[in-house]
């Protein structure tokens, strides 16, 4: 199956995962910025879309949704990358909030890969919002254990990305090669 990865990365974590997945599957990857300029759809059977999470929204997921309508015969996989740990309850909530319509969800599967925070590579606006939220959370009294962990982590750059998080994605995609 001919597969391409299209990724949208702000601070490098999503791009890192795209590279790892492409290496494992032996497929190409390109940035969303480049993909928007090209007509590549007829060249691929499957599109893997990766993007970062901001305020529980997968950035540019609407691009995938609109292309699913235009190219309904393709297989789609979406992976989201965020600062939350993989086992955090906010991950399931985020994936649910970004779910595709029932009509499209049978053609698309979603995964989550933990990334991190790199304030140095963020836009000014996103850095401002995240730092403000971090300060607000740090000042909150009676924090839950999850809020305390989040508050401790958000105060500095960190990288929780790991190749092990691509294993379910690679396994899922390889099953199509076996079926064909």
Protein backbone atom coordinates (compact mmCIF):
# COMPACT_ATOMS: atom_id res chain seq x y z
CA UNK A 1 0.00 0.00 0.00
CA UNK A 2 1.40 3.39 -0.97
CA UNK A 3 1.41 5.58 2.14
CA UNK A 4 2.40 9.17 2.85
CA UNK A 5 2.70 11.01 6.13
CA UNK A 6 1.62 14.63 6.23
CA UNK A 7 2.61 16.37 9.45
CA UNK A 8 2.02 19.73 11.05
CA UNK A 9 4.67 20.49 13.65
CA UNK A 10 5.14 23.65 15.66
CA UNK A 11 8.00 22.69 17.96
CA UNK A 12 9.40 19.54 16.35
CA UNK A 13 7.73 16.70 18.24
CA UNK A 14 5.17 15.85 15.53
CA UNK A 15 7.87 16.01 12.87
CA UNK A 16 10.06 13.65 14.93
CA UNK A 17 7.22 11.12 15.09
CA UNK A 18 6.60 11.52 11.33
CA UNK A 19 10.24 10.66 10.66
CA UNK A 20 10.15 7.61 12.90
CA UNK A 21 6.91 6.33 11.34
CA UNK A 22 8.22 6.94 7.80
CA UNK A 23 11.40 5.06 8.65
CA UNK A 24 9.47 2.07 10.02
CA UNK A 25 6.95 1.93 7.17
CA UNK A 26 9.37 2.88 4.41
CA UNK A 27 7.16 5.70 3.21
CA UNK A 28 7.51 9.39 2.43
CA UNK A 29 6.58 12.27 4.67
CA UNK A 30 6.03 15.95 4.04
CA UNK A 31 4.98 18.99 5.99
CA UNK A 32 1.39 20.16 5.80
CA UNK A 33 2.71 23.45 4.42
CA UNK A 34 4.15 21.57 1.42
CA UNK A 35 1.17 19.21 1.10
CA UNK A 36 -1.25 22.12 0.72
CA UNK A 37 0.66 23.22 -2.40
CA UNK A 38 0.71 19.80 -4.12
CA UNK A 39 -1.82 17.51 -5.74
CA UNK A 40 -0.52 14.16 -4.48
CA UNK A 41 -3.74 12.33 -3.68
CA UNK A 42 -3.78 9.97 -6.68
CA UNK A 43 -0.27 8.74 -5.80
CA UNK A 44 -1.22 7.23 -2.41
CA UNK A 45 -3.64 4.71 -0.95
CA UNK A 46 -3.22 5.83 2.66
CA UNK A 47 -2.63 9.17 4.31
CA UNK A 48 -1.24 9.43 7.83
CA UNK A 49 -1.82 12.89 9.27
CA UNK A 50 0.03 14.05 12.37
CA UNK A 51 -0.43 17.32 14.18
CA UNK A 52 -0.04 18.97 17.54
CA UNK A 53 -2.72 19.57 20.13
CA UNK A 54 -3.66 23.00 21.44
CA UNK A 55 -6.53 23.51 23.87
CA UNK A 56 -7.77 19.96 23.18
CA UNK A 57 -7.98 20.62 19.43
CA UNK A 58 -5.83 18.81 16.88
CA UNK A 59 -4.35 21.63 14.82
CA UNK A 60 -5.58 21.63 11.19
CA UNK A 61 -7.70 18.49 11.58
CA UNK A 62 -10.26 20.22 9.36
CA UNK A 63 -7.80 19.85 6.45
CA UNK A 64 -8.00 16.07 6.84
CA UNK A 65 -11.77 16.10 7.26
CA UNK A 66 -12.28 18.11 4.07
CA UNK A 67 -9.93 15.86 2.12
CA UNK A 68 -11.71 12.76 3.37
CA UNK A 69 -14.79 14.07 1.58
CA UNK A 70 -12.83 14.83 -1.60
CA UNK A 71 -10.94 11.50 -1.53
CA UNK A 72 -13.29 8.96 0.07
CA UNK A 73 -11.49 5.82 -1.15
CA UNK A 74 -8.28 6.52 0.78
CA UNK A 75 -7.40 5.06 4.18
CA UNK A 76 -6.67 7.66 6.85
CA UNK A 77 -4.86 7.59 10.16
CA UNK A 78 -4.48 10.59 12.45
CA UNK A 79 -1.96 10.89 15.23
CA UNK A 80 -2.04 13.77 17.66
CA UNK A 81 0.97 14.93 19.65
CA UNK A 82 0.64 16.83 22.91
CA UNK A 83 2.34 17.56 26.19
CA UNK A 84 0.10 15.29 28.26
CA UNK A 85 1.33 11.80 29.20
CA UNK A 86 -0.18 8.99 27.13
CA UNK A 87 -2.11 7.63 30.10
CA UNK A 88 -3.67 10.97 31.05
CA UNK A 89 -7.50 11.14 31.05
CA UNK A 90 -7.28 14.37 29.03
CA UNK A 91 -6.01 12.33 26.07
CA UNK A 92 -9.21 10.30 25.75
CA UNK A 93 -11.27 13.48 26.10
CA UNK A 94 -9.21 15.22 23.40
CA UNK A 95 -9.53 12.29 20.99
CA UNK A 96 -13.29 12.20 21.59
CA UNK A 97 -13.62 15.95 20.99
CA UNK A 98 -11.76 15.61 17.69
CA UNK A 99 -13.61 12.53 16.50
CA UNK A 100 -14.70 12.48 12.94
CA UNK A 101 -18.30 12.08 11.91
CA UNK A 102 -19.62 8.54 11.98
CA UNK A 103 -19.58 8.55 8.18
CA UNK A 104 -15.80 9.12 8.13
CA UNK A 105 -14.70 7.39 11.32
CA UNK A 106 -14.88 3.93 9.73
CA UNK A 107 -12.15 5.04 7.28
CA UNK A 108 -9.95 6.69 9.90
CA UNK A 109 -8.30 5.69 13.15
CA UNK A 110 -6.81 8.09 15.69
CA UNK A 111 -3.76 7.70 17.93
CA UNK A 112 -1.97 9.84 20.51
CA UNK A 113 1.77 10.27 20.99
CA UNK A 114 3.15 12.26 23.93
CA UNK A 115 5.55 15.00 22.94
CA UNK A 116 6.56 17.78 25.23
CA UNK A 117 7.03 21.49 25.54
CA UNK A 118 9.67 23.56 23.81
CA UNK A 119 9.02 27.20 24.62
CA UNK A 120 11.95 28.28 22.43
CA UNK A 121 10.23 27.03 19.25
CA UNK A 122 6.68 28.19 20.06
CA UNK A 123 5.02 31.17 18.53
CA UNK A 124 4.86 34.19 20.82
CA UNK A 125 1.09 33.81 21.19
CA UNK A 126 1.21 30.11 22.13
CA UNK A 127 4.12 30.67 24.50
CA UNK A 128 2.17 33.49 26.20
CA UNK A 129 -0.96 31.38 26.61
CA UNK A 130 0.91 28.35 27.93
CA UNK A 131 3.03 30.39 30.35
CA UNK A 132 -0.10 32.20 31.60
CA UNK A 133 -1.91 28.90 32.13
CA UNK A 134 1.16 27.50 33.88
CA UNK A 135 1.30 30.47 36.28
CA UNK A 136 -2.43 30.24 36.97
CA UNK A 137 -2.17 26.52 37.68
CA UNK A 138 0.88 27.02 39.93
CA UNK A 139 -1.08 29.52 42.06
CA UNK A 140 -4.16 27.31 42.38
CA UNK A 141 -4.79 26.04 45.88
CA UNK A 142 -5.92 22.46 46.52
CA UNK A 143 -4.58 21.10 43.23
CA UNK A 144 -5.37 17.52 42.30
CA UNK A 145 -2.41 15.20 41.86
CA UNK A 146 -2.80 15.46 38.07
CA UNK A 147 -2.87 19.28 38.25
CA UNK A 148 0.26 19.30 40.43
CA UNK A 149 2.10 17.03 37.98
CA UNK A 150 1.02 19.23 35.07
CA UNK A 151 2.03 22.39 36.92
CA UNK A 152 5.49 20.97 37.67
CA UNK A 153 6.03 19.93 34.05
CA UNK A 154 4.79 23.10 32.37
CA UNK A 155 7.35 25.35 33.99
CA UNK A 156 10.14 24.24 31.68
CA UNK A 157 10.97 22.53 28.39
CA UNK A 158 10.66 18.75 28.34
CA UNK A 159 10.57 15.93 25.79
CA UNK A 160 8.52 12.78 26.44
CA UNK A 161 8.58 11.58 22.83
CA UNK A 162 9.62 7.97 22.41
CA UNK A 163 9.69 5.55 19.48
CA UNK A 164 7.60 3.09 21.49
CA UNK A 165 4.55 5.28 20.91
CA UNK A 166 4.63 4.66 17.15
CA UNK A 167 4.33 0.87 17.58
CA UNK A 168 0.49 0.84 17.51
CA UNK A 169 0.51 3.10 14.44
CA UNK A 170 3.02 0.94 12.58
CA UNK A 171 1.19 -2.26 13.54
CA UNK A 172 -2.13 -0.80 12.40
CA UNK A 173 -0.75 0.30 9.03
CA UNK A 174 1.13 -2.95 8.37
CA UNK A 175 -2.05 -4.98 8.70
CA UNK A 176 -3.31 -3.39 5.48
CA UNK A 177 -0.26 -4.64 3.59
CA UNK A 178 -1.08 -8.15 4.83
CA UNK A 179 -4.74 -7.84 3.80
CA UNK A 180 -3.96 -6.70 0.26
